[in-house]
């Protein structure tokens, strides 16, 4: 029996996932959590084979902390011996979201509109330790692999242009309606792609490559 934890801050989504999963005789939903922190805690308690993890959650258990599914995935992989497999199930399909989740250690990535049969197959594959990506996500990753590493997403370019204009992380977040944590995440990806370690170097490298 494959033991599954549902980690999503929307009850209606959890109900839908539970209905699909419990239609299979070899899958059992053993718990539900509505925060990323709750997913980490449940994983630490054990008894879970696969976690269906959303990427973006509302305020965490402390009321002010907001943690992403990628953060939770990384914490689970980093801090737990023989951790449960993580399968991301989300509405978000940007390159940054996909790559961030995979880099954090997620074994698969599906969109919430995936057919039930695809979801069940993905859970079974994850339980066996096999990676599963929806066709759309797989195509996006292959396209990304074929393009230069320095190709920035439209959002990353927006952030970098504001950095070049002297905006702080707080300013960028206010202008683009993003949290400061999300701005920092974008900057981490920008630095990695450009092979730099600072804002000044990122702007200089982007200008050299004609990105700005």
C-alpha atoms as a PDB file:
ATOM      1  CA  UNK A   1       0.000   0.000   0.000  1.00  0.00           C
ATOM      2  CA  UNK A   2       1.343   3.425  -0.972  1.00  0.00           C
ATOM      3  CA  UNK A   3       0.840   5.893   1.889  1.00  0.00           C
ATOM      4  CA  UNK A   4       0.233   9.449   0.668  1.00  0.00           C
ATOM      5  CA  UNK A   5       0.166  12.831   2.424  1.00  0.00           C
ATOM      6  CA  UNK A   6      -1.722  15.727   0.814  1.00  0.00           C
ATOM      7  CA  UNK A   7      -0.082  19.133   1.309  1.00  0.00           C
ATOM      8  CA  UNK A   8      -2.208  21.957  -0.088  1.00  0.00           C
ATOM      9  CA  UNK A   9      -3.746  25.049   1.511  1.00  0.00           C
ATOM     10  CA  UNK A  10      -7.053  24.661  -0.342  1.00  0.00           C
ATOM     11  CA  UNK A  11      -9.443  22.139   1.178  1.00  0.00           C
ATOM     12  CA  UNK A  12     -11.365  21.676  -2.062  1.00  0.00           C
ATOM     13  CA  UNK A  13      -8.144  20.664  -3.833  1.00  0.00           C
ATOM     14  CA  UNK A  14      -7.323  18.156  -1.101  1.00  0.00           C
ATOM     15  CA  UNK A  15     -10.823  16.713  -1.377  1.00  0.00           C
ATOM     16  CA  UNK A  16     -10.421  16.290  -5.119  1.00  0.00           C
ATOM     17  CA  UNK A  17      -7.017  14.657  -4.803  1.00  0.00           C
ATOM     18  CA  UNK A  18      -8.270  12.350  -2.065  1.00  0.00           C
ATOM     19  CA  UNK A  19     -11.223  11.242  -4.200  1.00  0.00           C
ATOM     20  CA  UNK A  20      -8.919  10.337  -7.095  1.00  0.00           C
ATOM     21  CA  UNK A  21      -6.332   8.570  -4.957  1.00  0.00           C
ATOM     22  CA  UNK A  22      -8.777   6.586  -2.877  1.00  0.00           C
ATOM     23  CA  UNK A  23     -10.313   5.171  -6.043  1.00  0.00           C
ATOM     24  CA  UNK A  24      -7.148   3.069  -6.323  1.00  0.00           C
ATOM     25  CA  UNK A  25      -6.830  -0.079  -4.220  1.00  0.00           C
ATOM     26  CA  UNK A  26      -3.069   0.287  -3.767  1.00  0.00           C
ATOM     27  CA  UNK A  27      -3.046   3.902  -2.506  1.00  0.00           C
ATOM     28  CA  UNK A  28      -4.066   5.206   0.922  1.00  0.00           C
ATOM     29  CA  UNK A  29      -4.280   8.879   1.949  1.00  0.00           C
ATOM     30  CA  UNK A  30      -2.848   8.899   5.467  1.00  0.00           C
ATOM     31  CA  UNK A  31      -3.046  12.615   6.184  1.00  0.00           C
ATOM     32  CA  UNK A  32      -3.598  16.175   5.048  1.00  0.00           C
ATOM     33  CA  UNK A  33      -1.799  19.430   5.892  1.00  0.00           C
ATOM     34  CA  UNK A  34      -2.466  22.986   4.776  1.00  0.00           C
ATOM     35  CA  UNK A  35       1.008  24.523   5.251  1.00  0.00           C
ATOM     36  CA  UNK A  36       4.509  23.818   4.011  1.00  0.00           C
ATOM     37  CA  UNK A  37       5.682  23.641   7.620  1.00  0.00           C
ATOM     38  CA  UNK A  38       3.002  21.031   8.307  1.00  0.00           C
ATOM     39  CA  UNK A  39       4.328  18.915   5.445  1.00  0.00           C
ATOM     40  CA  UNK A  40       7.829  18.969   6.905  1.00  0.00           C
ATOM     41  CA  UNK A  41       6.532  18.033  10.362  1.00  0.00           C
ATOM     42  CA  UNK A  42       4.415  15.187   9.005  1.00  0.00           C
ATOM     43  CA  UNK A  43       7.359  13.869   7.011  1.00  0.00           C
ATOM     44  CA  UNK A  44       9.509  13.897  10.142  1.00  0.00           C
ATOM     45  CA  UNK A  45       6.898  11.838  11.977  1.00  0.00           C
ATOM     46  CA  UNK A  46       7.189   9.119   9.331  1.00  0.00           C
ATOM     47  CA  UNK A  47       4.729   6.632   7.893  1.00  0.00           C
ATOM     48  CA  UNK A  48       4.523   8.397   4.515  1.00  0.00           C
ATOM     49  CA  UNK A  49       5.724   7.128   1.148  1.00  0.00           C
ATOM     50  CA  UNK A  50       4.742  10.012  -1.132  1.00  0.00           C
ATOM     51  CA  UNK A  51       3.822  13.652  -0.493  1.00  0.00           C
ATOM     52  CA  UNK A  52       1.663  15.503  -3.015  1.00  0.00           C
ATOM     53  CA  UNK A  53       3.073  18.996  -2.519  1.00  0.00           C
ATOM     54  CA  UNK A  54       1.625  22.299  -3.671  1.00  0.00           C
ATOM     55  CA  UNK A  55       4.170  25.016  -4.487  1.00  0.00           C
ATOM     56  CA  UNK A  56       2.624  28.079  -2.901  1.00  0.00           C
ATOM     57  CA  UNK A  57       0.951  28.204   0.482  1.00  0.00           C
ATOM     58  CA  UNK A  58      -0.733  30.897   2.515  1.00  0.00           C
ATOM     59  CA  UNK A  59       0.651  32.099   5.868  1.00  0.00           C
ATOM     60  CA  UNK A  60       2.329  29.348   7.845  1.00  0.00           C
ATOM     61  CA  UNK A  61       1.669  28.155  11.352  1.00  0.00           C
ATOM     62  CA  UNK A  62       3.422  31.164  12.855  1.00  0.00           C
ATOM     63  CA  UNK A  63       1.018  33.515  11.139  1.00  0.00           C
ATOM     64  CA  UNK A  64       3.678  35.565   9.386  1.00  0.00           C
ATOM     65  CA  UNK A  65       5.925  32.923   7.869  1.00  0.00           C
ATOM     66  CA  UNK A  66       5.266  31.955   4.268  1.00  0.00           C
ATOM     67  CA  UNK A  67       7.114  28.904   3.050  1.00  0.00           C
ATOM     68  CA  UNK A  68       6.959  27.402  -0.414  1.00  0.00           C
ATOM     69  CA  UNK A  69       6.570  23.816  -1.446  1.00  0.00           C
ATOM     70  CA  UNK A  70      10.116  23.943  -2.841  1.00  0.00           C
ATOM     71  CA  UNK A  71      11.397  25.121   0.560  1.00  0.00           C
ATOM     72  CA  UNK A  72       9.554  22.299   2.276  1.00  0.00           C
ATOM     73  CA  UNK A  73      10.848  19.757  -0.236  1.00  0.00           C
ATOM     74  CA  UNK A  74      14.428  20.879   0.305  1.00  0.00           C
ATOM     75  CA  UNK A  75      14.009  20.702   4.098  1.00  0.00           C
ATOM     76  CA  UNK A  76      12.549  17.198   3.889  1.00  0.00           C
ATOM     77  CA  UNK A  77      15.362  15.973   1.654  1.00  0.00           C
ATOM     78  CA  UNK A  78      18.005  17.651   3.799  1.00  0.00           C
ATOM     79  CA  UNK A  79      16.876  16.747   7.298  1.00  0.00           C
ATOM     80  CA  UNK A  80      15.213  13.314   7.100  1.00  0.00           C
ATOM     81  CA  UNK A  81      16.880   9.954   6.655  1.00  0.00           C
ATOM     82  CA  UNK A  82      15.103   7.954   3.943  1.00  0.00           C
ATOM     83  CA  UNK A  83      12.625  10.802   3.294  1.00  0.00           C
ATOM     84  CA  UNK A  84       9.278  10.321   1.555  1.00  0.00           C
ATOM     85  CA  UNK A  85       9.194  11.033  -2.173  1.00  0.00           C
ATOM     86  CA  UNK A  86       7.795  14.430  -3.127  1.00  0.00           C
ATOM     87  CA  UNK A  87       5.503  14.889  -6.119  1.00  0.00           C
ATOM     88  CA  UNK A  88       4.636  18.505  -6.853  1.00  0.00           C
ATOM     89  CA  UNK A  89       1.021  19.065  -7.913  1.00  0.00           C
ATOM     90  CA  UNK A  90       0.390  22.720  -8.658  1.00  0.00           C
ATOM     91  CA  UNK A  91      -1.186  25.328 -10.920  1.00  0.00           C
ATOM     92  CA  UNK A  92       2.141  27.017 -11.607  1.00  0.00           C
ATOM     93  CA  UNK A  93       4.149  26.179 -14.720  1.00  0.00           C
ATOM     94  CA  UNK A  94       6.832  28.851 -15.037  1.00  0.00           C
ATOM     95  CA  UNK A  95      10.415  27.783 -15.680  1.00  0.00           C
ATOM     96  CA  UNK A  96      11.451  29.159 -12.297  1.00  0.00           C
ATOM     97  CA  UNK A  97       8.767  27.193 -10.454  1.00  0.00           C
ATOM     98  CA  UNK A  98       9.535  23.952 -12.278  1.00  0.00           C
ATOM     99  CA  UNK A  99      13.300  24.168 -11.976  1.00  0.00           C
ATOM    100  CA  UNK A 100      13.102  25.334  -8.359  1.00  0.00           C
ATOM    101  CA  UNK A 101      11.008  22.320  -7.380  1.00  0.00           C
ATOM    102  CA  UNK A 102      13.195  19.830  -9.239  1.00  0.00           C
ATOM    103  CA  UNK A 103      16.367  21.366  -7.823  1.00  0.00           C
ATOM    104  CA  UNK A 104      14.873  21.140  -4.330  1.00  0.00           C
ATOM    105  CA  UNK A 105      14.491  17.393  -4.786  1.00  0.00           C
ATOM    106  CA  UNK A 106      10.958  16.840  -6.060  1.00  0.00           C
ATOM    107  CA  UNK A 107      10.726  13.570  -7.941  1.00  0.00           C
ATOM    108  CA  UNK A 108       7.880  14.677 -10.175  1.00  0.00           C
ATOM    109  CA  UNK A 109       5.894  17.722 -11.295  1.00  0.00           C
ATOM    110  CA  UNK A 110       2.264  17.676 -12.388  1.00  0.00           C
ATOM    111  CA  UNK A 111      -0.321  20.367 -12.982  1.00  0.00           C
ATOM    112  CA  UNK A 112      -3.617  20.190 -11.119  1.00  0.00           C
ATOM    113  CA  UNK A 113      -5.541  19.740 -14.346  1.00  0.00           C
ATOM    114  CA  UNK A 114      -3.721  16.473 -15.100  1.00  0.00           C
ATOM    115  CA  UNK A 115      -6.060  13.525 -15.822  1.00  0.00           C
ATOM    116  CA  UNK A 116      -6.726  11.216 -12.825  1.00  0.00           C
ATOM    117  CA  UNK A 117      -4.947   8.349 -14.586  1.00  0.00           C
ATOM    118  CA  UNK A 118      -1.820  10.503 -14.931  1.00  0.00           C
ATOM    119  CA  UNK A 119      -1.927  11.418 -11.246  1.00  0.00           C
ATOM    120  CA  UNK A 120      -2.268   7.794 -10.143  1.00  0.00           C
ATOM    121  CA  UNK A 121       0.558   6.709 -12.443  1.00  0.00           C
ATOM    122  CA  UNK A 122       2.754   9.511 -11.096  1.00  0.00           C
ATOM    123  CA  UNK A 123       2.136   8.500  -7.472  1.00  0.00           C
ATOM    124  CA  UNK A 124       3.028   4.892  -8.247  1.00  0.00           C
ATOM    125  CA  UNK A 125       6.168   5.940 -10.114  1.00  0.00           C
ATOM    126  CA  UNK A 126       7.231   8.252  -7.297  1.00  0.00           C
ATOM    127  CA  UNK A 127       6.738   5.483  -4.747  1.00  0.00           C
ATOM    128  CA  UNK A 128       9.138   3.357  -6.805  1.00  0.00           C
ATOM    129  CA  UNK A 129      11.665   6.182  -6.930  1.00  0.00           C
ATOM    130  CA  UNK A 130      11.075   7.012 -10.585  1.00  0.00           C
ATOM    131  CA  UNK A 131      10.789  10.578 -11.811  1.00  0.00           C
ATOM    132  CA  UNK A 132       7.504  11.668 -13.385  1.00  0.00           C
ATOM    133  CA  UNK A 133       6.887  14.882 -15.290  1.00  0.00           C
ATOM    134  CA  UNK A 134       3.715  15.871 -17.066  1.00  0.00           C
ATOM    135  CA  UNK A 135       4.235  16.077 -20.858  1.00  0.00           C
ATOM    136  CA  UNK A 136       4.046  19.877 -20.742  1.00  0.00           C
ATOM    137  CA  UNK A 137       6.654  20.120 -17.983  1.00  0.00           C
ATOM    138  CA  UNK A 138       8.965  17.634 -19.677  1.00  0.00           C
ATOM    139  CA  UNK A 139       8.763  19.666 -22.872  1.00  0.00           C
ATOM    140  CA  UNK A 140       9.560  22.882 -21.000  1.00  0.00           C
ATOM    141  CA  UNK A 141      12.614  21.313 -19.375  1.00  0.00           C
ATOM    142  CA  UNK A 142      13.892  19.913 -22.662  1.00  0.00           C
ATOM    143  CA  UNK A 143      13.496  23.320 -24.281  1.00  0.00           C
ATOM    144  CA  UNK A 144      15.380  24.878 -21.385  1.00  0.00           C
ATOM    145  CA  UNK A 145      18.205  22.343 -21.737  1.00  0.00           C
ATOM    146  CA  UNK A 146      18.555  23.170 -25.429  1.00  0.00           C
ATOM    147  CA  UNK A 147      18.815  26.916 -24.769  1.00  0.00           C
ATOM    148  CA  UNK A 148      21.815  28.695 -23.246  1.00  0.00           C
ATOM    149  CA  UNK A 149      22.021  28.611 -19.476  1.00  0.00           C
ATOM    150  CA  UNK A 150      21.985  32.389 -19.398  1.00  0.00           C
ATOM    151  CA  UNK A 151      18.471  32.614 -20.856  1.00  0.00           C
ATOM    152  CA  UNK A 152      16.461  34.447 -18.246  1.00  0.00           C
ATOM    153  CA  UNK A 153      12.711  34.163 -17.842  1.00  0.00           C
ATOM    154  CA  UNK A 154      10.613  37.277 -18.539  1.00  0.00           C
ATOM    155  CA  UNK A 155      10.076  37.739 -14.804  1.00  0.00           C
ATOM    156  CA  UNK A 156      13.799  37.404 -14.073  1.00  0.00           C
ATOM    157  CA  UNK A 157      14.508  40.041 -16.716  1.00  0.00           C
ATOM    158  CA  UNK A 158      11.971  42.356 -15.072  1.00  0.00           C
ATOM    159  CA  UNK A 159      13.699  41.888 -11.721  1.00  0.00           C
ATOM    160  CA  UNK A 160      17.157  42.415 -13.206  1.00  0.00           C
ATOM    161  CA  UNK A 161      16.102  45.582 -15.027  1.00  0.00           C
ATOM    162  CA  UNK A 162      14.836  47.015 -11.744  1.00  0.00           C
ATOM    163  CA  UNK A 163      18.071  45.991 -10.026  1.00  0.00           C
ATOM    164  CA  UNK A 164      19.989  47.791 -12.782  1.00  0.00           C
ATOM    165  CA  UNK A 165      17.860  50.860 -12.073  1.00  0.00           C
ATOM    166  CA  UNK A 166      18.921  50.812  -8.432  1.00  0.00           C
ATOM    167  CA  UNK A 167      15.768  49.359  -6.892  1.00  0.00           C
ATOM    168  CA  UNK A 168      16.022  47.458  -3.606  1.00  0.00           C
ATOM    169  CA  UNK A 169      14.404  44.057  -3.061  1.00  0.00           C
ATOM    170  CA  UNK A 170      11.575  45.795  -1.227  1.00  0.00           C
ATOM    171  CA  UNK A 171      11.083  48.246  -4.090  1.00  0.00           C
ATOM    172  CA  UNK A 172      11.079  45.419  -6.639  1.00  0.00           C
ATOM    173  CA  UNK A 173       8.545  43.476  -4.619  1.00  0.00           C
ATOM    174  CA  UNK A 174       6.260  46.501  -4.393  1.00  0.00           C
ATOM    175  CA  UNK A 175       6.513  47.258  -8.114  1.00  0.00           C
ATOM    176  CA  UNK A 176       6.005  43.659  -9.272  1.00  0.00           C
ATOM    177  CA  UNK A 177       3.600  42.669  -6.470  1.00  0.00           C
ATOM    178  CA  UNK A 178       5.980  40.002  -5.130  1.00  0.00           C
ATOM    179  CA  UNK A 179       7.144  39.154  -1.636  1.00  0.00           C
ATOM    180  CA  UNK A 180      10.747  39.996  -0.778  1.00  0.00           C
ATOM    181  CA  UNK A 181      11.393  36.263  -0.422  1.00  0.00           C
ATOM    182  CA  UNK A 182      10.232  35.702  -4.000  1.00  0.00           C
ATOM    183  CA  UNK A 183      12.443  38.548  -5.234  1.00  0.00           C
ATOM    184  CA  UNK A 184      15.417  36.956  -3.462  1.00  0.00           C
ATOM    185  CA  UNK A 185      14.559  33.618  -5.060  1.00  0.00           C
ATOM    186  CA  UNK A 186      14.553  35.218  -8.512  1.00  0.00           C
ATOM    187  CA  UNK A 187      17.918  36.820  -7.782  1.00  0.00           C
ATOM    188  CA  UNK A 188      19.394  33.469  -6.747  1.00  0.00           C
ATOM    189  CA  UNK A 189      18.349  31.995 -10.101  1.00  0.00           C
ATOM    190  CA  UNK A 190      19.665  35.043 -11.960  1.00  0.00           C
ATOM    191  CA  UNK A 191      23.051  34.809 -10.207  1.00  0.00           C
ATOM    192  CA  UNK A 192      23.283  31.103 -10.984  1.00  0.00           C
ATOM    193  CA  UNK A 193      22.461  31.552 -14.654  1.00  0.00           C
ATOM    194  CA  UNK A 194      24.906  34.414 -15.069  1.00  0.00           C
ATOM    195  CA  UNK A 195      27.612  32.795 -12.949  1.00  0.00           C
ATOM    196  CA  UNK A 196      27.888  35.754 -10.557  1.00  0.00           C
ATOM    197  CA  UNK A 197      27.496  36.416  -6.838  1.00  0.00           C
ATOM    198  CA  UNK A 198      26.325  39.997  -6.564  1.00  0.00           C
ATOM    199  CA  UNK A 199      23.801  42.475  -7.915  1.00  0.00           C
ATOM    200  CA  UNK A 200      26.504  44.622  -9.509  1.00  0.00           C
ATOM    201  CA  UNK A 201      28.123  41.645 -11.214  1.00  0.00           C
ATOM    202  CA  UNK A 202      24.736  40.392 -12.439  1.00  0.00           C
ATOM    203  CA  UNK A 203      23.957  43.728 -14.088  1.00  0.00           C
ATOM    204  CA  UNK A 204      27.430  43.901 -15.640  1.00  0.00           C
ATOM    205  CA  UNK A 205      27.236  40.320 -16.950  1.00  0.00           C
ATOM    206  CA  UNK A 206      23.746  40.870 -18.365  1.00  0.00           C
ATOM    207  CA  UNK A 207      24.891  43.999 -20.190  1.00  0.00           C
ATOM    208  CA  UNK A 208      27.906  42.155 -21.613  1.00  0.00           C
ATOM    209  CA  UNK A 209      25.587  39.468 -22.970  1.00  0.00           C
ATOM    210  CA  UNK A 210      23.110  41.949 -24.380  1.00  0.00           C
ATOM    211  CA  UNK A 211      20.344  40.983 -21.950  1.00  0.00           C
ATOM    212  CA  UNK A 212      19.924  44.564 -20.739  1.00  0.00           C
END
